Each structure stands twice: as C-alpha cells, then as structure tokens.
Amino acid sequence: MPTPKKQTSPKVSTLASNVLAGRVTPTKAQIATLAGAALSNDETKGQVRHR
C-alpha cells in the first residue's frame, strides 16, 4: 500500500507563495512555521552527501 503524500495546510501554502513572490516579508514566527512545514514534509532521513 503506497504511503499518502503529505500536504501543507492552505494557510502555510499561501504564506510560502506570498513570501516567494516578494509580496510578504515574513516574521520570525512565520519563518519558523515555513521551516517546520518543510521539515515535516521531508521524507528522507539525514543528509545526503553530493559529490
């Protein structure tokens, strides 16, 4: 059975879109929210070393 894909809440997704488009300068709390969302969606363990 395949694992369902993780999804970000619409609020976080909209915030990320606005930050990337330059329409919003994120607060420290918003940065933490975006970082947490990115890390929670990361399905790999540890760091990958590139050659």
Protein backbone atom coordinates (compact mmCIF):
# COMPACT_ATOMS: atom_id res chain seq x y z
CA MET A 1 0.00 0.00 0.00
CA PRO A 2 1.58 3.34 -1.03
CA THR A 3 2.07 5.99 1.63
CA PRO A 4 -0.18 9.03 1.12
CA LYS A 5 1.66 12.20 0.22
CA LYS A 6 1.99 14.77 2.99
CA GLN A 7 0.30 18.07 2.36
CA THR A 8 0.79 21.55 3.75
CA SER A 9 -2.18 23.50 5.10
CA PRO A 10 -3.66 26.09 2.73
CA LYS A 11 -2.63 28.87 5.14
CA VAL A 12 1.04 27.79 5.12
CA SER A 13 0.99 27.23 1.37
CA THR A 14 -0.39 30.72 0.75
CA LEU A 15 2.20 32.23 3.09
CA ALA A 16 5.02 30.44 1.27
CA SER A 17 3.69 31.59 -2.09
CA ASN A 18 3.48 35.20 -0.94
CA VAL A 19 6.98 35.13 0.55
CA LEU A 20 8.48 33.62 -2.61
CA ALA A 21 6.68 36.18 -4.78
CA GLY A 22 8.08 39.01 -2.65
CA ARG A 23 4.63 40.22 -1.55
CA VAL A 24 5.30 39.48 2.15
CA THR A 25 8.33 39.87 4.39
CA PRO A 26 7.93 37.02 6.89
CA THR A 27 8.16 37.49 10.65
CA LYS A 28 10.35 35.19 12.72
CA ALA A 29 7.25 33.18 13.67
CA GLN A 30 6.25 32.80 10.01
CA ILE A 31 9.79 31.70 9.10
CA ALA A 32 9.62 29.07 11.83
CA THR A 33 6.24 27.89 10.52
CA LEU A 34 7.56 27.57 6.96
CA ALA A 35 10.70 25.76 8.14
CA GLY A 36 8.64 23.38 10.25
CA ALA A 37 6.36 22.62 7.31
CA ALA A 38 9.35 21.94 5.06
CA LEU A 39 10.96 19.62 7.59
CA SER A 40 7.75 17.75 8.35
CA ASN A 41 7.29 17.03 4.64
CA ASP A 42 10.88 15.79 4.23
CA GLU A 43 10.71 12.02 3.87
CA THR A 44 14.46 11.36 3.76
CA LYS A 45 16.46 10.61 6.88
CA GLY A 46 19.67 12.53 7.49
CA GLN A 47 21.71 14.45 5.00
CA VAL A 48 22.69 13.32 1.54
CA ARG A 49 26.27 13.99 0.51
CA HIS A 50 26.69 15.17 -3.07
CA ARG A 51 29.94 14.55 -4.92
